[in-house]
């Protein structure tokens, strides 16, 4: 699939339009593939946040 970021003037871009036209089962497969490819990074990030908090913890005033 071609990935480009050309503004179509209505807040949509070609990538959004292409993804809107994907069949629902293909969207699910793409999402599952992305999660599988990034699972370790997500787990590592979540572990880091659990241990150390997020980068902005010392900056928040609430």
N, C-alpha and C. Protein backbone atom coordinates (compact mmCIF):
# COMPACT_ATOMS: atom_id res chain seq x y z
N UNK A 1 0.84 -1.18 0.00
CA UNK A 1 0.00 0.00 0.00
C UNK A 1 0.88 1.24 0.00
N UNK A 2 0.53 2.19 -0.80
CA UNK A 2 1.27 3.44 -0.89
C UNK A 2 0.90 4.30 0.31
N UNK A 3 1.89 4.90 0.92
CA UNK A 3 1.63 5.76 2.07
C UNK A 3 2.08 7.17 1.75
N UNK A 4 1.14 8.07 1.62
CA UNK A 4 1.49 9.46 1.38
C UNK A 4 0.61 10.33 2.25
N UNK A 5 1.08 11.53 2.48
CA UNK A 5 0.40 12.44 3.39
C UNK A 5 0.01 13.72 2.68
N UNK A 6 -0.76 13.60 1.64
CA UNK A 6 -1.19 14.75 0.88
C UNK A 6 -2.52 15.22 1.43
N UNK A 7 -2.60 16.47 1.83
CA UNK A 7 -3.83 17.02 2.39
C UNK A 7 -4.87 17.15 1.28
N UNK A 8 -6.07 16.69 1.57
CA UNK A 8 -7.15 16.78 0.60
C UNK A 8 -8.07 17.97 0.90
N UNK A 9 -7.71 18.80 1.87
CA UNK A 9 -8.45 20.01 2.14
C UNK A 9 -9.59 19.87 3.12
N UNK A 10 -10.00 18.69 3.44
CA UNK A 10 -11.12 18.50 4.36
C UNK A 10 -10.68 17.78 5.64
N UNK A 11 -9.40 17.86 5.95
CA UNK A 11 -8.88 17.20 7.13
C UNK A 11 -8.49 15.75 6.87
N UNK A 12 -8.75 15.26 5.69
CA UNK A 12 -8.40 13.90 5.34
C UNK A 12 -7.15 13.94 4.47
N UNK A 13 -6.39 12.88 4.49
CA UNK A 13 -5.26 12.75 3.57
C UNK A 13 -5.39 11.43 2.84
N UNK A 14 -4.56 11.22 1.86
CA UNK A 14 -4.69 10.01 1.05
C UNK A 14 -4.57 8.75 1.88
N UNK A 15 -3.69 8.76 2.88
CA UNK A 15 -3.53 7.59 3.71
C UNK A 15 -4.82 7.29 4.44
N UNK A 16 -5.46 8.32 5.02
CA UNK A 16 -6.73 8.11 5.70
C UNK A 16 -7.78 7.55 4.76
N UNK A 17 -7.85 8.13 3.57
CA UNK A 17 -8.84 7.69 2.59
C UNK A 17 -8.60 6.24 2.21
N UNK A 18 -7.34 5.88 1.97
CA UNK A 18 -7.01 4.50 1.62
C UNK A 18 -7.41 3.55 2.75
N UNK A 19 -7.13 3.94 3.99
CA UNK A 19 -7.45 3.07 5.11
C UNK A 19 -8.96 2.95 5.30
N UNK A 20 -9.70 4.01 5.04
CA UNK A 20 -11.15 3.96 5.15
C UNK A 20 -11.74 2.96 4.16
N UNK A 21 -11.06 2.76 3.04
CA UNK A 21 -11.56 1.87 2.01
C UNK A 21 -11.13 0.43 2.20
N UNK A 22 -10.29 0.15 3.19
CA UNK A 22 -9.86 -1.22 3.43
C UNK A 22 -11.03 -2.05 3.96
N UNK A 23 -11.03 -3.29 3.61
CA UNK A 23 -12.04 -4.19 4.15
C UNK A 23 -11.80 -4.34 5.65
N UNK A 24 -12.88 -4.47 6.43
CA UNK A 24 -12.72 -4.57 7.89
C UNK A 24 -11.78 -5.69 8.33
N UNK A 25 -11.81 -6.85 7.68
CA UNK A 25 -10.92 -7.95 8.08
C UNK A 25 -9.47 -7.61 7.81
N UNK A 26 -9.20 -6.83 6.77
CA UNK A 26 -7.83 -6.41 6.49
C UNK A 26 -7.36 -5.40 7.53
N UNK A 27 -8.24 -4.51 7.97
CA UNK A 27 -7.89 -3.57 9.03
C UNK A 27 -7.52 -4.32 10.31
N UNK A 28 -8.31 -5.34 10.62
CA UNK A 28 -8.03 -6.14 11.81
C UNK A 28 -6.67 -6.82 11.68
N UNK A 29 -6.38 -7.38 10.52
CA UNK A 29 -5.10 -8.06 10.31
C UNK A 29 -3.93 -7.08 10.42
N UNK A 30 -4.08 -5.90 9.86
CA UNK A 30 -3.02 -4.88 9.94
C UNK A 30 -2.79 -4.50 11.40
N UNK A 31 -3.87 -4.32 12.15
CA UNK A 31 -3.75 -3.97 13.57
C UNK A 31 -3.07 -5.08 14.35
N UNK A 32 -3.48 -6.32 14.12
CA UNK A 32 -2.88 -7.45 14.82
C UNK A 32 -1.39 -7.59 14.48
N UNK A 33 -1.05 -7.38 13.22
CA UNK A 33 0.36 -7.44 12.81
C UNK A 33 1.17 -6.36 13.52
N UNK A 34 0.62 -5.14 13.56
CA UNK A 34 1.33 -4.03 14.21
C UNK A 34 1.54 -4.33 15.69
N UNK A 35 0.49 -4.82 16.35
CA UNK A 35 0.62 -5.15 17.77
C UNK A 35 1.66 -6.24 18.00
N UNK A 36 1.66 -7.26 17.14
CA UNK A 36 2.64 -8.34 17.28
C UNK A 36 4.07 -7.81 17.09
N UNK A 37 4.25 -6.94 16.10
CA UNK A 37 5.58 -6.38 15.83
C UNK A 37 6.05 -5.46 16.94
N UNK A 38 5.14 -4.83 17.64
CA UNK A 38 5.51 -3.82 18.64
C UNK A 38 5.25 -4.25 20.08
N UNK A 39 4.82 -5.50 20.26
CA UNK A 39 4.45 -5.97 21.60
C UNK A 39 5.58 -5.80 22.61
N UNK A 40 6.79 -6.17 22.26
CA UNK A 40 7.91 -6.07 23.21
C UNK A 40 8.17 -4.61 23.59
N UNK A 41 8.16 -3.72 22.63
CA UNK A 41 8.39 -2.30 22.93
C UNK A 41 7.29 -1.76 23.85
N UNK A 42 6.05 -2.16 23.59
CA UNK A 42 4.94 -1.70 24.43
C UNK A 42 5.09 -2.24 25.85
N UNK A 43 5.44 -3.52 25.97
CA UNK A 43 5.64 -4.11 27.29
C UNK A 43 6.80 -3.44 28.02
N UNK A 44 7.89 -3.17 27.31
CA UNK A 44 9.05 -2.50 27.92
C UNK A 44 8.67 -1.10 28.39
N UNK A 45 7.93 -0.37 27.57
CA UNK A 45 7.50 0.98 27.95
C UNK A 45 6.59 0.92 29.17
N UNK A 46 5.62 0.02 29.18
CA UNK A 46 4.71 -0.10 30.31
C UNK A 46 5.46 -0.47 31.59
N UNK A 47 6.46 -1.35 31.48
CA UNK A 47 7.27 -1.72 32.63
C UNK A 47 8.04 -0.50 33.15
N UNK A 48 8.59 0.27 32.24
CA UNK A 48 9.33 1.47 32.61
C UNK A 48 8.43 2.49 33.32
N UNK A 49 7.24 2.68 32.81
CA UNK A 49 6.29 3.61 33.43
C UNK A 49 5.90 3.12 34.81
N UNK A 50 5.70 1.82 34.93
CA UNK A 50 5.33 1.26 36.23
C UNK A 50 6.43 1.49 37.27
N UNK A 51 7.68 1.35 36.84
CA UNK A 51 8.81 1.51 37.76
C UNK A 51 9.18 2.97 38.01
N UNK A 52 9.21 3.78 36.94
CA UNK A 52 9.75 5.12 37.03
C UNK A 52 8.73 6.24 36.81
N UNK A 53 7.54 5.90 36.40
CA UNK A 53 6.55 6.92 36.06
C UNK A 53 6.81 7.43 34.65
N UNK A 54 5.99 8.39 34.25
CA UNK A 54 6.14 8.97 32.92
C UNK A 54 7.06 10.18 32.98
N UNK A 55 7.56 10.61 31.83
CA UNK A 55 8.56 11.67 31.78
C UNK A 55 8.04 12.97 32.39
N UNK A 56 6.74 13.21 32.38
CA UNK A 56 6.21 14.49 32.84
C UNK A 56 5.78 14.48 34.31
N UNK A 57 6.05 13.41 35.01
CA UNK A 57 5.60 13.34 36.41
C UNK A 57 6.11 14.52 37.25
N UNK A 58 7.32 14.93 37.04
CA UNK A 58 7.88 16.04 37.82
C UNK A 58 7.44 17.41 37.32
N UNK A 59 6.76 17.45 36.19
CA UNK A 59 6.35 18.72 35.60
C UNK A 59 4.90 19.07 35.88
N UNK A 60 4.11 18.11 36.23
CA UNK A 60 2.68 18.37 36.44
C UNK A 60 2.45 19.11 37.73
N UNK A 61 1.48 20.00 37.70
CA UNK A 61 1.16 20.77 38.91
C UNK A 61 -0.12 20.29 39.58
N UNK A 62 -0.66 19.17 39.16
CA UNK A 62 -1.88 18.64 39.79
C UNK A 62 -1.60 17.31 40.42
